[in-house]
Amino acid sequence: MGSWVALNIRGAAASLERQAAAHAELAMPARGELGSPRRVASAGFYRFMGALIALCGIVLT
């Protein structure tokens, strides 16, 4: 999974970014907050974490 996100195969990182934004947008009214949702993480962050997970998997192998 890490390499899938790190290499952004079929827009995996952008998809994770959109999913996190949609989740935050739905969770805000449920918590009673009326402001705009905070940005959780960017696609670059997901790519970095994916590369880190992939490298850790290679080291363990």
PDB file of N, CA and C in Angstrom:
ATOM      1  N   MET A   1       0.827  -1.193   0.000  1.00  0.00           N
ATOM      2  CA  MET A   1       0.000   0.000   0.000  1.00  0.00           C
ATOM      3  C   MET A   1       0.868   1.252   0.000  1.00  0.00           C
ATOM      4  N   GLY A   2       1.986   1.221   0.728  1.00  0.00           N
ATOM      5  CA  GLY A   2       2.827   2.405   0.811  1.00  0.00           C
ATOM      6  C   GLY A   2       3.357   2.855  -0.532  1.00  0.00           C
ATOM      7  N   SER A   3       3.820   1.907  -1.337  1.00  0.00           N
ATOM      8  CA  SER A   3       4.350   2.276  -2.655  1.00  0.00           C
ATOM      9  C   SER A   3       3.230   2.756  -3.572  1.00  0.00           C
ATOM     10  N   TRP A   4       2.029   2.219  -3.386  1.00  0.00           N
ATOM     11  CA  TRP A   4       0.881   2.646  -4.177  1.00  0.00           C
ATOM     12  C   TRP A   4       0.620   4.132  -3.964  1.00  0.00           C
ATOM     13  N   VAL A   5       0.702   4.586  -2.717  1.00  0.00           N
ATOM     14  CA  VAL A   5       0.473   5.989  -2.400  1.00  0.00           C
ATOM     15  C   VAL A   5       1.696   6.830  -2.751  1.00  0.00           C
ATOM     16  N   ALA A   6       2.899   6.304  -2.457  1.00  0.00           N
ATOM     17  CA  ALA A   6       4.118   7.071  -2.704  1.00  0.00           C
ATOM     18  C   ALA A   6       4.301   7.369  -4.190  1.00  0.00           C
ATOM     19  N   LEU A   7       3.976   6.406  -5.036  1.00  0.00           N
ATOM     20  CA  LEU A   7       4.120   6.605  -6.478  1.00  0.00           C
ATOM     21  C   LEU A   7       2.878   7.246  -7.095  1.00  0.00           C
ATOM     22  N   ASN A   8       1.856   7.484  -6.272  1.00  0.00           N
ATOM     23  CA  ASN A   8       0.615   8.134  -6.683  1.00  0.00           C
ATOM     24  C   ASN A   8      -0.022   7.414  -7.867  1.00  0.00           C
ATOM     25  N   ILE A   9      -0.088   6.102  -7.779  1.00  0.00           N
ATOM     26  CA  ILE A   9      -0.685   5.293  -8.834  1.00  0.00           C
ATOM     27  C   ILE A   9      -2.182   5.562  -8.867  1.00  0.00           C
ATOM     28  N   ARG A  10      -2.652   6.026 -10.018  1.00  0.00           N
ATOM     29  CA  ARG A  10      -4.051   6.396 -10.249  1.00  0.00           C
ATOM     30  C   ARG A  10      -4.561   7.430  -9.257  1.00  0.00           C
ATOM     31  N   GLY A  11      -3.709   8.337  -8.855  1.00  0.00           N
ATOM     32  CA  GLY A  11      -4.126   9.457  -8.008  1.00  0.00           C
ATOM     33  C   GLY A  11      -4.448   9.062  -6.578  1.00  0.00           C
ATOM     34  N   ALA A  12      -3.730   8.090  -6.038  1.00  0.00           N
ATOM     35  CA  ALA A  12      -4.017   7.593  -4.692  1.00  0.00           C
ATOM     36  C   ALA A  12      -3.871   8.684  -3.637  1.00  0.00           C
ATOM     37  N   ALA A  13      -2.816   9.466  -3.710  1.00  0.00           N
ATOM     38  CA  ALA A  13      -2.594  10.508  -2.702  1.00  0.00           C
ATOM     39  C   ALA A  13      -3.661  11.590  -2.793  1.00  0.00           C
ATOM     40  N   ALA A  14      -4.012  11.979  -4.002  1.00  0.00           N
ATOM     41  CA  ALA A  14      -5.052  12.994  -4.173  1.00  0.00           C
ATOM     42  C   ALA A  14      -6.401  12.461  -3.701  1.00  0.00           C
ATOM     43  N   SER A  15      -6.645  11.187  -3.934  1.00  0.00           N
ATOM     44  CA  SER A  15      -7.889  10.571  -3.477  1.00  0.00           C
ATOM     45  C   SER A  15      -7.970  10.543  -1.957  1.00  0.00           C
ATOM     46  N   LEU A  16      -6.864  10.207  -1.296  1.00  0.00           N
ATOM     47  CA  LEU A  16      -6.837  10.215   0.165  1.00  0.00           C
ATOM     48  C   LEU A  16      -7.053  11.622   0.706  1.00  0.00           C
ATOM     49  N   GLU A  17      -6.491  12.629   0.025  1.00  0.00           N
ATOM     50  CA  GLU A  17      -6.670  14.014   0.445  1.00  0.00           C
ATOM     51  C   GLU A  17      -8.140  14.425   0.341  1.00  0.00           C
ATOM     52  N   ARG A  18      -8.791  14.073  -0.776  1.00  0.00           N
ATOM     53  CA  ARG A  18     -10.206  14.401  -0.949  1.00  0.00           C
ATOM     54  C   ARG A  18     -11.075  13.675   0.077  1.00  0.00           C
ATOM     55  N   GLN A  19     -10.746  12.420   0.359  1.00  0.00           N
ATOM     56  CA  GLN A  19     -11.510  11.641   1.321  1.00  0.00           C
ATOM     57  C   GLN A  19     -11.398  12.244   2.723  1.00  0.00           C
ATOM     58  N   ALA A  20     -10.202  12.666   3.112  1.00  0.00           N
ATOM     59  CA  ALA A  20     -10.011  13.279   4.425  1.00  0.00           C
ATOM     60  C   ALA A  20     -10.777  14.598   4.526  1.00  0.00           C
ATOM     61  N   ALA A  21     -10.773  15.381   3.446  1.00  0.00           N
ATOM     62  CA  ALA A  21     -11.501  16.653   3.445  1.00  0.00           C
ATOM     63  C   ALA A  21     -13.007  16.419   3.550  1.00  0.00           C
ATOM     64  N   ALA A  22     -13.517  15.424   2.834  1.00  0.00           N
ATOM     65  CA  ALA A  22     -14.947  15.120   2.893  1.00  0.00           C
ATOM     66  C   ALA A  22     -15.344  14.630   4.280  1.00  0.00           C
ATOM     67  N   HIS A  23     -14.491  13.818   4.878  1.00  0.00           N
ATOM     68  CA  HIS A  23     -14.777  13.320   6.223  1.00  0.00           C
ATOM     69  C   HIS A  23     -14.794  14.469   7.235  1.00  0.00           C
ATOM     70  N   ALA A  24     -13.839  15.367   7.132  1.00  0.00           N
ATOM     71  CA  ALA A  24     -13.799  16.515   8.047  1.00  0.00           C
ATOM     72  C   ALA A  24     -15.028  17.396   7.863  1.00  0.00           C
ATOM     73  N   GLU A  25     -15.467  17.556   6.616  1.00  0.00           N
ATOM     74  CA  GLU A  25     -16.634  18.384   6.335  1.00  0.00           C
ATOM     75  C   GLU A  25     -17.900  17.770   6.942  1.00  0.00           C
ATOM     76  N   LEU A  26     -17.997  16.445   6.936  1.00  0.00           N
ATOM     77  CA  LEU A  26     -19.165  15.786   7.523  1.00  0.00           C
ATOM     78  C   LEU A  26     -19.100  15.739   9.045  1.00  0.00           C
ATOM     79  N   ALA A  27     -17.895  15.653   9.592  1.00  0.00           N
ATOM     80  CA  ALA A  27     -17.742  15.514  11.037  1.00  0.00           C
ATOM     81  C   ALA A  27     -17.950  16.833  11.777  1.00  0.00           C
ATOM     82  N   MET A  28     -17.691  17.948  11.125  1.00  0.00           N
ATOM     83  CA  MET A  28     -17.809  19.247  11.796  1.00  0.00           C
ATOM     84  C   MET A  28     -19.216  19.503  12.343  1.00  0.00           C
ATOM     85  N   PRO A  29     -20.277  19.401  11.544  1.00  0.00           N
ATOM     86  CA  PRO A  29     -21.617  19.654  12.099  1.00  0.00           C
ATOM     87  C   PRO A  29     -22.018  18.625  13.160  1.00  0.00           C
ATOM     88  N   ALA A  30     -21.533  17.398  13.031  1.00  0.00           N
ATOM     89  CA  ALA A  30     -21.862  16.372  14.010  1.00  0.00           C
ATOM     90  C   ALA A  30     -21.281  16.710  15.383  1.00  0.00           C
ATOM     91  N   ARG A  31     -20.146  17.413  15.397  1.00  0.00           N
ATOM     92  CA  ARG A  31     -19.530  17.830  16.661  1.00  0.00           C
ATOM     93  C   ARG A  31     -20.073  19.163  17.151  1.00  0.00           C
ATOM     94  N   GLY A  32     -20.900  19.806  16.349  1.00  0.00           N
ATOM     95  CA  GLY A  32     -21.477  21.082  16.742  1.00  0.00           C
ATOM     96  C   GLY A  32     -20.627  22.276  16.362  1.00  0.00           C
ATOM     97  N   GLU A  33     -19.622  22.093  15.540  1.00  0.00           N
ATOM     98  CA  GLU A  33     -18.767  23.195  15.093  1.00  0.00           C
ATOM     99  C   GLU A  33     -19.325  23.745  13.789  1.00  0.00           C
ATOM    100  N   LEU A  34     -19.475  25.032  13.713  1.00  0.00           N
ATOM    101  CA  LEU A  34     -20.093  25.636  12.544  1.00  0.00           C
ATOM    102  C   LEU A  34     -19.097  26.312  11.606  1.00  0.00           C
ATOM    103  N   GLY A  35     -17.829  26.340  11.953  1.00  0.00           N
ATOM    104  CA  GLY A  35     -16.825  26.978  11.111  1.00  0.00           C
ATOM    105  C   GLY A  35     -16.438  26.104   9.930  1.00  0.00           C
ATOM    106  N   SER A  36     -15.483  26.583   9.173  1.00  0.00           N
ATOM    107  CA  SER A  36     -15.008  25.796   8.038  1.00  0.00           C
ATOM    108  C   SER A  36     -14.089  24.680   8.548  1.00  0.00           C
ATOM    109  N   PRO A  37     -14.088  23.530   7.866  1.00  0.00           N
ATOM    110  CA  PRO A  37     -13.266  22.403   8.338  1.00  0.00           C
ATOM    111  C   PRO A  37     -11.778  22.679   8.168  1.00  0.00           C
ATOM    112  N   ARG A  38     -10.992  22.153   9.110  1.00  0.00           N
ATOM    113  CA  ARG A  38      -9.542  22.293   9.020  1.00  0.00           C
ATOM    114  C   ARG A  38      -9.010  21.357   7.947  1.00  0.00           C
ATOM    115  N   ARG A  39      -7.938  21.752   7.323  1.00  0.00           N
ATOM    116  CA  ARG A  39      -7.280  20.895   6.348  1.00  0.00           C
ATOM    117  C   ARG A  39      -6.435  19.889   7.125  1.00  0.00           C
ATOM    118  N   VAL A  40      -6.696  18.618   6.916  1.00  0.00           N
ATOM    119  CA  VAL A  40      -6.046  17.577   7.702  1.00  0.00           C
ATOM    120  C   VAL A  40      -4.639  17.316   7.178  1.00  0.00           C
ATOM    121  N   ALA A  41      -4.518  16.928   5.936  1.00  0.00           N
ATOM    122  CA  ALA A  41      -3.210  16.637   5.350  1.00  0.00           C
ATOM    123  C   ALA A  41      -3.272  16.836   3.842  1.00  0.00           C
ATOM    124  N   SER A  42      -2.148  17.200   3.264  1.00  0.00           N
ATOM    125  CA  SER A  42      -2.096  17.408   1.821  1.00  0.00           C
ATOM    126  C   SER A  42      -1.696  16.117   1.123  1.00  0.00           C
ATOM    127  N   ALA A  43      -1.812  16.114  -0.198  1.00  0.00           N
ATOM    128  CA  ALA A  43      -1.406  14.948  -0.974  1.00  0.00           C
ATOM    129  C   ALA A  43       0.090  14.703  -0.816  1.00  0.00           C
ATOM    130  N   GLY A  44       0.872  15.751  -0.666  1.00  0.00           N
ATOM    131  CA  GLY A  44       2.314  15.596  -0.457  1.00  0.00           C
ATOM    132  C   GLY A  44       2.626  14.859   0.840  1.00  0.00           C
ATOM    133  N   PHE A  45       1.844  15.135   1.878  1.00  0.00           N
ATOM    134  CA  PHE A  45       2.026  14.427   3.145  1.00  0.00           C
ATOM    135  C   PHE A  45       1.734  12.941   2.982  1.00  0.00           C
ATOM    136  N   TYR A  46       0.656  12.626   2.260  1.00  0.00           N
ATOM    137  CA  TYR A  46       0.324  11.217   2.031  1.00  0.00           C
ATOM    138  C   TYR A  46       1.398  10.522   1.201  1.00  0.00           C
ATOM    139  N   ARG A  47       1.971  11.231   0.224  1.00  0.00           N
ATOM    140  CA  ARG A  47       3.061  10.645  -0.574  1.00  0.00           C
ATOM    141  C   ARG A  47       4.286  10.381   0.299  1.00  0.00           C
ATOM    142  N   PHE A  48       4.613  11.322   1.183  1.00  0.00           N
ATOM    143  CA  PHE A  48       5.750  11.152   2.083  1.00  0.00           C
ATOM    144  C   PHE A  48       5.540   9.954   3.003  1.00  0.00           C
ATOM    145  N   MET A  49       4.345   9.855   3.592  1.00  0.00           N
ATOM    146  CA  MET A  49       4.059   8.734   4.489  1.00  0.00           C
ATOM    147  C   MET A  49       4.062   7.408   3.729  1.00  0.00           C
ATOM    148  N   GLY A  50       3.578   7.407   2.494  1.00  0.00           N
ATOM    149  CA  GLY A  50       3.600   6.196   1.688  1.00  0.00           C
ATOM    150  C   GLY A  50       5.019   5.751   1.388  1.00  0.00           C
ATOM    151  N   ALA A  51       5.901   6.720   1.076  1.00  0.00           N
ATOM    152  CA  ALA A  51       7.303   6.385   0.824  1.00  0.00           C
ATOM    153  C   ALA A  51       7.962   5.844   2.082  1.00  0.00           C
ATOM    154  N   LEU A  52       7.652   6.423   3.218  1.00  0.00           N
ATOM    155  CA  LEU A  52       8.201   5.959   4.485  1.00  0.00           C
ATOM    156  C   LEU A  52       7.745   4.536   4.800  1.00  0.00           C
ATOM    157  N   ILE A  53       6.480   4.253   4.593  1.00  0.00           N
ATOM    158  CA  ILE A  53       5.950   2.903   4.828  1.00  0.00           C
ATOM    159  C   ILE A  53       6.593   1.903   3.867  1.00  0.00           C
ATOM    160  N   ALA A  54       6.745   2.288   2.602  1.00  0.00           N
ATOM    161  CA  ALA A  54       7.370   1.390   1.629  1.00  0.00           C
ATOM    162  C   ALA A  54       8.827   1.103   1.999  1.00  0.00           C
ATOM    163  N   LEU A  55       9.574   2.119   2.418  1.00  0.00           N
ATOM    164  CA  LEU A  55      10.967   1.906   2.820  1.00  0.00           C
ATOM    165  C   LEU A  55      11.076   1.034   4.052  1.00  0.00           C
ATOM    166  N   CYS A  56      10.182   1.216   5.005  1.00  0.00           N
ATOM    167  CA  CYS A  56      10.196   0.362   6.195  1.00  0.00           C
ATOM    168  C   CYS A  56       9.895  -1.082   5.830  1.00  0.00           C
ATOM    169  N   GLY A  57       9.008  -1.284   4.882  1.00  0.00           N
ATOM    170  CA  GLY A  57       8.716  -2.646   4.422  1.00  0.00           C
ATOM    171  C   GLY A  57       9.907  -3.286   3.754  1.00  0.00           C
ATOM    172  N   ILE A  58      10.656  -2.508   2.975  1.00  0.00           N
ATOM    173  CA  ILE A  58      11.861  -3.041   2.319  1.00  0.00           C
ATOM    174  C   ILE A  58      12.914  -3.386   3.361  1.00  0.00           C
ATOM    175  N   VAL A  59      13.081  -2.540   4.362  1.00  0.00           N
ATOM    176  CA  VAL A  59      14.068  -2.796   5.425  1.00  0.00           C
ATOM    177  C   VAL A  59      13.699  -4.074   6.182  1.00  0.00           C
ATOM    178  N   LEU A  60      12.437  -4.257   6.492  1.00  0.00           N
ATOM    179  CA  LEU A  60      12.020  -5.461   7.203  1.00  0.00           C
ATOM    180  C   LEU A  60      12.185  -6.718   6.355  1.00  0.00           C
ATOM    181  N   THR A  61      12.061  -6.580   5.050  1.00  0.00           N
ATOM    182  CA  THR A  61      12.238  -7.732   4.175  1.00  0.00           C
ATOM    183  C   THR A  61      13.688  -8.121   4.119  1.00  0.00           C
TER     184      THR A  61
END
